[in-house]
Amino acid sequence: MPPKILKVSIEVLELSEELRAFMIKNGFQTLEMMLHYSGKELLEMEGYSYRMLKEFLGILHQHDCLDLFRDA
């Protein structure tokens, strides 16, 4: 069962304003929605940066769900 953090609304998560703005702009309401994309796909999206990828991966690691992330 995936960690609850993945289903929590981004409105209440502690995220950088940069990552939150990107997620809102692209219709991502939870971190789980971002897991549908690989790192490569995210980085190809307008406005997504390595800094945001690092933050996202850090959150996944912190909640023991980094294994759910697709590299490519």
N, C-alpha and C. Protein backbone atom coordinates (compact mmCIF):
# COMPACT_ATOMS: atom_id res chain seq x y z
N MET A 1 0.85 -1.19 0.00
CA MET A 1 0.00 0.00 0.00
C MET A 1 0.89 1.25 0.00
N PRO A 2 0.65 2.16 -0.93
CA PRO A 2 1.47 3.36 -1.02
C PRO A 2 1.31 4.24 0.23
N PRO A 3 2.38 4.95 0.58
CA PRO A 3 2.32 5.86 1.74
C PRO A 3 1.24 6.93 1.56
N LYS A 4 0.64 7.33 2.66
CA LYS A 4 -0.42 8.34 2.63
C LYS A 4 0.04 9.67 2.03
N ILE A 5 1.34 9.98 2.19
CA ILE A 5 1.87 11.26 1.69
C ILE A 5 1.58 11.44 0.21
N LEU A 6 1.49 10.34 -0.53
CA LEU A 6 1.27 10.42 -1.98
C LEU A 6 -0.14 10.88 -2.33
N LYS A 7 -1.08 10.71 -1.42
CA LYS A 7 -2.47 11.06 -1.70
C LYS A 7 -2.90 12.37 -1.04
N VAL A 8 -2.00 12.99 -0.28
CA VAL A 8 -2.31 14.25 0.40
C VAL A 8 -2.31 15.39 -0.62
N SER A 9 -3.27 16.28 -0.50
CA SER A 9 -3.35 17.43 -1.39
C SER A 9 -2.10 18.30 -1.27
N ILE A 10 -1.63 18.79 -2.40
CA ILE A 10 -0.44 19.65 -2.38
C ILE A 10 -0.71 20.95 -1.63
N GLU A 11 -1.97 21.26 -1.42
CA GLU A 11 -2.32 22.48 -0.68
C GLU A 11 -1.83 22.42 0.76
N VAL A 12 -1.69 21.21 1.32
CA VAL A 12 -1.28 21.08 2.72
C VAL A 12 0.13 20.53 2.90
N LEU A 13 0.76 20.09 1.82
CA LEU A 13 2.13 19.57 1.90
C LEU A 13 3.14 20.70 2.01
N GLU A 14 4.24 20.41 2.68
CA GLU A 14 5.34 21.37 2.74
C GLU A 14 6.18 21.20 1.47
N LEU A 15 5.95 22.09 0.53
CA LEU A 15 6.66 22.07 -0.75
C LEU A 15 7.22 23.46 -1.01
N SER A 16 8.26 23.53 -1.82
CA SER A 16 8.75 24.84 -2.24
C SER A 16 7.66 25.49 -3.09
N GLU A 17 7.64 26.79 -3.10
CA GLU A 17 6.66 27.50 -3.93
C GLU A 17 6.85 27.17 -5.40
N GLU A 18 8.09 26.96 -5.79
CA GLU A 18 8.41 26.62 -7.19
C GLU A 18 7.74 25.30 -7.59
N LEU A 19 7.91 24.28 -6.77
CA LEU A 19 7.33 22.97 -7.08
C LEU A 19 5.80 23.03 -6.99
N ARG A 20 5.28 23.69 -5.98
CA ARG A 20 3.82 23.81 -5.84
C ARG A 20 3.21 24.52 -7.05
N ALA A 21 3.83 25.61 -7.50
CA ALA A 21 3.32 26.35 -8.66
C ALA A 21 3.35 25.48 -9.92
N PHE A 22 4.43 24.71 -10.10
CA PHE A 22 4.52 23.82 -11.25
C PHE A 22 3.39 22.79 -11.21
N MET A 23 3.18 22.21 -10.05
CA MET A 23 2.16 21.17 -9.91
C MET A 23 0.76 21.73 -10.17
N ILE A 24 0.48 22.90 -9.65
CA ILE A 24 -0.82 23.53 -9.88
C ILE A 24 -1.01 23.82 -11.36
N LYS A 25 0.01 24.39 -11.98
CA LYS A 25 -0.05 24.74 -13.41
C LYS A 25 -0.33 23.51 -14.28
N ASN A 26 0.19 22.35 -13.86
CA ASN A 26 0.06 21.14 -14.66
C ASN A 26 -1.03 20.20 -14.17
N GLY A 27 -1.82 20.65 -13.22
CA GLY A 27 -2.97 19.88 -12.77
C GLY A 27 -2.65 18.72 -11.84
N PHE A 28 -1.45 18.72 -11.27
CA PHE A 28 -1.08 17.68 -10.31
C PHE A 28 -1.60 18.08 -8.94
N GLN A 29 -2.55 17.34 -8.42
CA GLN A 29 -3.13 17.66 -7.12
C GLN A 29 -2.47 16.90 -5.98
N THR A 30 -1.75 15.82 -6.32
CA THR A 30 -1.04 15.01 -5.33
C THR A 30 0.32 14.60 -5.90
N LEU A 31 1.21 14.17 -5.01
CA LEU A 31 2.51 13.66 -5.47
C LEU A 31 2.32 12.38 -6.28
N GLU A 32 1.31 11.61 -5.94
CA GLU A 32 1.04 10.37 -6.66
C GLU A 32 0.81 10.63 -8.15
N MET A 33 0.19 11.73 -8.48
CA MET A 33 -0.07 12.06 -9.88
C MET A 33 1.24 12.26 -10.65
N MET A 34 2.26 12.76 -9.96
CA MET A 34 3.55 12.97 -10.63
C MET A 34 4.27 11.65 -10.88
N LEU A 35 3.93 10.62 -10.12
CA LEU A 35 4.57 9.32 -10.31
C LEU A 35 4.16 8.63 -11.60
N HIS A 36 3.16 9.17 -12.27
CA HIS A 36 2.74 8.63 -13.57
C HIS A 36 3.74 9.00 -14.67
N TYR A 37 4.67 9.89 -14.34
CA TYR A 37 5.67 10.36 -15.30
C TYR A 37 7.06 9.94 -14.84
N SER A 38 7.90 9.65 -15.80
CA SER A 38 9.29 9.33 -15.48
C SER A 38 10.05 10.62 -15.23
N GLY A 39 11.24 10.49 -14.68
CA GLY A 39 12.09 11.67 -14.47
C GLY A 39 12.35 12.39 -15.78
N LYS A 40 12.61 11.64 -16.83
CA LYS A 40 12.87 12.24 -18.15
C LYS A 40 11.65 13.03 -18.63
N GLU A 41 10.47 12.44 -18.48
CA GLU A 41 9.24 13.11 -18.92
C GLU A 41 9.00 14.39 -18.12
N LEU A 42 9.22 14.33 -16.81
CA LEU A 42 9.03 15.53 -15.99
C LEU A 42 9.99 16.63 -16.42
N LEU A 43 11.25 16.26 -16.62
CA LEU A 43 12.25 17.26 -17.00
C LEU A 43 11.99 17.86 -18.38
N GLU A 44 11.24 17.17 -19.21
CA GLU A 44 10.89 17.70 -20.53
C GLU A 44 9.69 18.65 -20.46
N MET A 45 9.01 18.68 -19.33
CA MET A 45 7.85 19.57 -19.17
C MET A 45 8.34 21.00 -18.93
N GLU A 46 7.65 21.93 -19.53
CA GLU A 46 8.02 23.34 -19.40
C GLU A 46 7.96 23.78 -17.94
N GLY A 47 9.05 24.36 -17.49
CA GLY A 47 9.10 24.90 -16.14
C GLY A 47 9.60 23.94 -15.07
N TYR A 48 9.82 22.67 -15.43
CA TYR A 48 10.31 21.70 -14.44
C TYR A 48 11.83 21.70 -14.46
N SER A 49 12.45 21.70 -13.28
CA SER A 49 13.91 21.79 -13.20
C SER A 49 14.49 20.64 -12.39
N TYR A 50 15.81 20.51 -12.48
CA TYR A 50 16.51 19.50 -11.68
C TYR A 50 16.31 19.77 -10.19
N ARG A 51 16.22 21.02 -9.81
CA ARG A 51 16.00 21.38 -8.41
C ARG A 51 14.67 20.82 -7.92
N MET A 52 13.63 20.92 -8.74
CA MET A 52 12.32 20.36 -8.37
C MET A 52 12.37 18.84 -8.34
N LEU A 53 13.11 18.24 -9.28
CA LEU A 53 13.25 16.78 -9.30
C LEU A 53 13.94 16.32 -8.02
N LYS A 54 14.98 17.03 -7.62
CA LYS A 54 15.70 16.68 -6.40
C LYS A 54 14.77 16.78 -5.18
N GLU A 55 13.95 17.82 -5.13
CA GLU A 55 13.00 17.98 -4.02
C GLU A 55 11.99 16.82 -4.01
N PHE A 56 11.44 16.50 -5.17
CA PHE A 56 10.47 15.42 -5.31
C PHE A 56 11.07 14.09 -4.86
N LEU A 57 12.28 13.79 -5.34
CA LEU A 57 12.95 12.55 -4.98
C LEU A 57 13.26 12.51 -3.49
N GLY A 58 13.61 13.66 -2.92
CA GLY A 58 13.88 13.74 -1.49
C GLY A 58 12.64 13.41 -0.66
N ILE A 59 11.50 13.90 -1.09
CA ILE A 59 10.23 13.61 -0.39
C ILE A 59 9.93 12.12 -0.48
N LEU A 60 10.09 11.56 -1.67
CA LEU A 60 9.84 10.13 -1.85
C LEU A 60 10.77 9.30 -0.96
N HIS A 61 12.03 9.68 -0.93
CA HIS A 61 13.01 8.97 -0.11
C HIS A 61 12.66 9.07 1.38
N GLN A 62 12.30 10.26 1.80
CA GLN A 62 11.96 10.50 3.21
C GLN A 62 10.78 9.64 3.66
N HIS A 63 9.89 9.31 2.75
CA HIS A 63 8.69 8.53 3.08
C HIS A 63 8.78 7.09 2.56
N ASP A 64 10.02 6.64 2.30
CA ASP A 64 10.29 5.26 1.89
C ASP A 64 9.48 4.78 0.69
N CYS A 65 9.34 5.66 -0.29
CA CYS A 65 8.63 5.23 -1.50
C CYS A 65 9.38 5.63 -2.77
N LEU A 66 10.68 5.81 -2.65
CA LEU A 66 11.50 6.17 -3.81
C LEU A 66 11.44 5.08 -4.88
N ASP A 67 11.20 3.85 -4.46
CA ASP A 67 11.13 2.73 -5.41
C ASP A 67 9.95 2.86 -6.37
N LEU A 68 9.00 3.73 -6.08
CA LEU A 68 7.84 3.93 -6.97
C LEU A 68 8.17 4.86 -8.14
N PHE A 69 9.32 5.54 -8.07
CA PHE A 69 9.69 6.51 -9.11
C PHE A 69 10.35 5.80 -10.28
N ARG A 70 9.92 6.20 -11.49
CA ARG A 70 10.51 5.64 -12.72
C ARG A 70 11.57 6.62 -13.24
N ASP A 71 12.77 6.10 -13.45
CA ASP A 71 13.87 6.92 -13.98
C ASP A 71 13.64 7.30 -15.43
N ALA A 72 13.29 6.31 -16.22
CA ALA A 72 13.17 6.57 -17.66
C ALA A 72 11.85 6.07 -18.18
